[in-house]
Amino acid sequence: MPDLSINRGETIKTMGEKIHANAVLHGWWETPRTIPELLVLIHSEVSEALEAFRDNDMVGFAEELADIAIRLLDAAEGYQIDLEHEIQAKHELNINRPFRHGGKLL
């Protein structure tokens, strides 16, 4: 079995590769996963994070944030999306946006 441990300082790409490899080894990609399925799974982790926050469970909240990231990285790697590149590119766009662009409160 390959070493799939994530070490502090690894790139987002490397983390995604290891997370996805673990999901594959555990049978979660035996058949192609659809984008709607993956988005629902991410959404469920977001809902769990909200519930932990509502319960004032910051340990649980932090764990759910990790679950969100794991689901996101698995989805990106599964669809061969270079999430690290996409984050960098989007952040560069956001740097130059006006103050509170869009005007939405929530």
C-alpha atoms as a PDB file:
ATOM      1  CA  MET A   1       0.000   0.000   0.000  1.00  0.00           C
ATOM      2  CA  PRO A   2       1.414   3.416  -0.918  1.00  0.00           C
ATOM      3  CA  ASP A   3       2.108   6.035   1.748  1.00  0.00           C
ATOM      4  CA  LEU A   4      -0.869   8.368   1.456  1.00  0.00           C
ATOM      5  CA  SER A   5      -0.127  10.419   4.569  1.00  0.00           C
ATOM      6  CA  ILE A   6      -0.242  14.155   4.074  1.00  0.00           C
ATOM      7  CA  ASN A   7       2.685  16.104   5.434  1.00  0.00           C
ATOM      8  CA  ARG A   8       2.653  19.756   6.443  1.00  0.00           C
ATOM      9  CA  GLY A   9       3.870  21.947   3.610  1.00  0.00           C
ATOM     10  CA  GLU A  10       2.767  19.696   0.741  1.00  0.00           C
ATOM     11  CA  THR A  11       1.171  21.388  -2.232  1.00  0.00           C
ATOM     12  CA  ILE A  12      -2.555  21.375  -2.775  1.00  0.00           C
ATOM     13  CA  LYS A  13      -1.890  19.245  -5.870  1.00  0.00           C
ATOM     14  CA  THR A  14      -0.005  16.620  -3.856  1.00  0.00           C
ATOM     15  CA  MET A  15      -2.683  16.561  -1.165  1.00  0.00           C
ATOM     16  CA  GLY A  16      -5.362  16.119  -3.835  1.00  0.00           C
ATOM     17  CA  GLU A  17      -3.465  13.258  -5.440  1.00  0.00           C
ATOM     18  CA  LYS A  18      -3.137  11.442  -2.111  1.00  0.00           C
ATOM     19  CA  ILE A  19      -6.737  12.087  -1.067  1.00  0.00           C
ATOM     20  CA  HIS A  20      -8.041  10.885  -4.423  1.00  0.00           C
ATOM     21  CA  ALA A  21      -5.780   7.807  -4.383  1.00  0.00           C
ATOM     22  CA  ASN A  22      -7.166   6.944  -0.942  1.00  0.00           C
ATOM     23  CA  ALA A  23     -10.755   7.334  -2.187  1.00  0.00           C
ATOM     24  CA  VAL A  24      -9.969   5.088  -5.168  1.00  0.00           C
ATOM     25  CA  LEU A  25      -8.358   2.472  -2.894  1.00  0.00           C
ATOM     26  CA  HIS A  26     -11.461   2.501  -0.720  1.00  0.00           C
ATOM     27  CA  GLY A  27     -13.757   1.849  -3.686  1.00  0.00           C
ATOM     28  CA  TRP A  28     -15.379   5.280  -4.051  1.00  0.00           C
ATOM     29  CA  TRP A  29     -14.440   5.623  -7.722  1.00  0.00           C
ATOM     30  CA  GLU A  30     -15.202   2.091  -9.001  1.00  0.00           C
ATOM     31  CA  THR A  31     -17.743   3.744 -11.260  1.00  0.00           C
ATOM     32  CA  PRO A  32     -17.431   7.348 -12.393  1.00  0.00           C
ATOM     33  CA  ARG A  33     -18.811   9.803  -9.867  1.00  0.00           C
ATOM     34  CA  THR A  34     -21.036  12.488 -11.290  1.00  0.00           C
ATOM     35  CA  ILE A  35     -20.472  16.154 -10.647  1.00  0.00           C
ATOM     36  CA  PRO A  36     -23.925  16.522  -9.030  1.00  0.00           C
ATOM     37  CA  GLU A  37     -23.098  13.621  -6.690  1.00  0.00           C
ATOM     38  CA  LEU A  38     -19.780  15.210  -5.719  1.00  0.00           C
ATOM     39  CA  LEU A  39     -21.385  18.609  -5.151  1.00  0.00           C
ATOM     40  CA  VAL A  40     -24.066  17.070  -2.941  1.00  0.00           C
ATOM     41  CA  LEU A  41     -21.358  15.377  -0.872  1.00  0.00           C
ATOM     42  CA  ILE A  42     -19.511  18.702  -0.477  1.00  0.00           C
ATOM     43  CA  HIS A  43     -22.790  20.390   0.434  1.00  0.00           C
ATOM     44  CA  SER A  44     -23.513  17.758   3.075  1.00  0.00           C
ATOM     45  CA  GLU A  45     -20.149  18.491   4.712  1.00  0.00           C
ATOM     46  CA  VAL A  46     -20.955  22.227   4.670  1.00  0.00           C
ATOM     47  CA  SER A  47     -24.277  21.471   6.378  1.00  0.00           C
ATOM     48  CA  GLU A  48     -22.482  19.386   9.000  1.00  0.00           C
ATOM     49  CA  ALA A  49     -20.071  22.282   9.604  1.00  0.00           C
ATOM     50  CA  LEU A  50     -23.024  24.625  10.139  1.00  0.00           C
ATOM     51  CA  GLU A  51     -24.583  22.227  12.642  1.00  0.00           C
ATOM     52  CA  ALA A  52     -21.309  21.940  14.555  1.00  0.00           C
ATOM     53  CA  PHE A  53     -21.079  25.748  14.658  1.00  0.00           C
ATOM     54  CA  ARG A  54     -24.688  26.027  15.842  1.00  0.00           C
ATOM     55  CA  ASP A  55     -23.840  23.556  18.612  1.00  0.00           C
ATOM     56  CA  ASN A  56     -20.810  25.693  19.540  1.00  0.00           C
ATOM     57  CA  ASP A  57     -18.606  22.675  18.748  1.00  0.00           C
ATOM     58  CA  MET A  58     -15.514  24.306  17.292  1.00  0.00           C
ATOM     59  CA  VAL A  59     -13.594  21.015  17.268  1.00  0.00           C
ATOM     60  CA  GLY A  60     -16.346  19.449  15.195  1.00  0.00           C
ATOM     61  CA  PHE A  61     -16.531  22.581  13.046  1.00  0.00           C
ATOM     62  CA  ALA A  62     -12.809  22.360  12.265  1.00  0.00           C
ATOM     63  CA  GLU A  63     -13.175  18.663  11.424  1.00  0.00           C
ATOM     64  CA  GLU A  64     -16.042  19.408   9.048  1.00  0.00           C
ATOM     65  CA  LEU A  65     -13.975  22.112   7.318  1.00  0.00           C
ATOM     66  CA  ALA A  66     -11.347  19.419   6.744  1.00  0.00           C
ATOM     67  CA  ASP A  67     -14.057  17.131   5.324  1.00  0.00           C
ATOM     68  CA  ILE A  68     -15.117  19.916   2.937  1.00  0.00           C
ATOM     69  CA  ALA A  69     -11.527  20.299   1.739  1.00  0.00           C
ATOM     70  CA  ILE A  70     -11.088  16.536   1.368  1.00  0.00           C
ATOM     71  CA  ARG A  71     -14.275  16.201  -0.689  1.00  0.00           C
ATOM     72  CA  LEU A  72     -13.269  19.204  -2.817  1.00  0.00           C
ATOM     73  CA  LEU A  73      -9.751  17.932  -3.479  1.00  0.00           C
ATOM     74  CA  ASP A  74     -11.037  14.447  -4.302  1.00  0.00           C
ATOM     75  CA  ALA A  75     -13.566  15.879  -6.763  1.00  0.00           C
ATOM     76  CA  ALA A  76     -10.984  18.106  -8.446  1.00  0.00           C
ATOM     77  CA  GLU A  77      -8.467  15.297  -8.804  1.00  0.00           C
ATOM     78  CA  GLY A  78     -11.146  12.878  -9.980  1.00  0.00           C
ATOM     79  CA  TYR A  79     -12.012  15.281 -12.798  1.00  0.00           C
ATOM     80  CA  GLN A  80      -8.370  16.199 -13.464  1.00  0.00           C
ATOM     81  CA  ILE A  81      -8.815  19.817 -12.429  1.00  0.00           C
ATOM     82  CA  ASP A  82      -5.638  21.537 -11.277  1.00  0.00           C
ATOM     83  CA  LEU A  83      -7.260  23.123  -8.236  1.00  0.00           C
ATOM     84  CA  GLU A  84      -4.018  24.717  -7.069  1.00  0.00           C
ATOM     85  CA  HIS A  85      -3.752  26.582 -10.387  1.00  0.00           C
ATOM     86  CA  GLU A  86      -7.443  27.520 -10.318  1.00  0.00           C
ATOM     87  CA  ILE A  87      -7.171  28.881  -6.763  1.00  0.00           C
ATOM     88  CA  GLN A  88      -4.124  30.949  -7.681  1.00  0.00           C
ATOM     89  CA  ALA A  89      -5.801  32.334 -10.823  1.00  0.00           C
ATOM     90  CA  LYS A  90      -9.077  33.159  -9.040  1.00  0.00           C
ATOM     91  CA  HIS A  91      -7.230  34.790  -6.135  1.00  0.00           C
ATOM     92  CA  GLU A  92      -5.388  37.055  -8.586  1.00  0.00           C
ATOM     93  CA  LEU A  93      -8.758  38.146 -10.006  1.00  0.00           C
ATOM     94  CA  ASN A  94     -10.116  38.739  -6.501  1.00  0.00           C
ATOM     95  CA  ILE A  95      -7.154  40.937  -5.534  1.00  0.00           C
ATOM     96  CA  ASN A  96      -8.268  43.561  -8.039  1.00  0.00           C
ATOM     97  CA  ARG A  97     -11.990  43.463  -7.360  1.00  0.00           C
ATOM     98  CA  PRO A  98     -13.638  46.501  -5.789  1.00  0.00           C
ATOM     99  CA  PHE A  99     -14.423  46.649  -2.081  1.00  0.00           C
ATOM    100  CA  ARG A 100     -17.288  44.267  -1.251  1.00  0.00           C
ATOM    101  CA  HIS A 101     -17.969  43.653  -4.921  1.00  0.00           C
ATOM    102  CA  GLY A 102     -21.429  42.319  -5.730  1.00  0.00           C
ATOM    103  CA  GLY A 103     -23.087  44.049  -2.773  1.00  0.00           C
ATOM    104  CA  LYS A 104     -24.517  40.855  -1.258  1.00  0.00           C
ATOM    105  CA  LEU A 105     -24.860  40.726   2.531  1.00  0.00           C
ATOM    106  CA  LEU A 106     -24.745  36.918   2.820  1.00  0.00           C
END
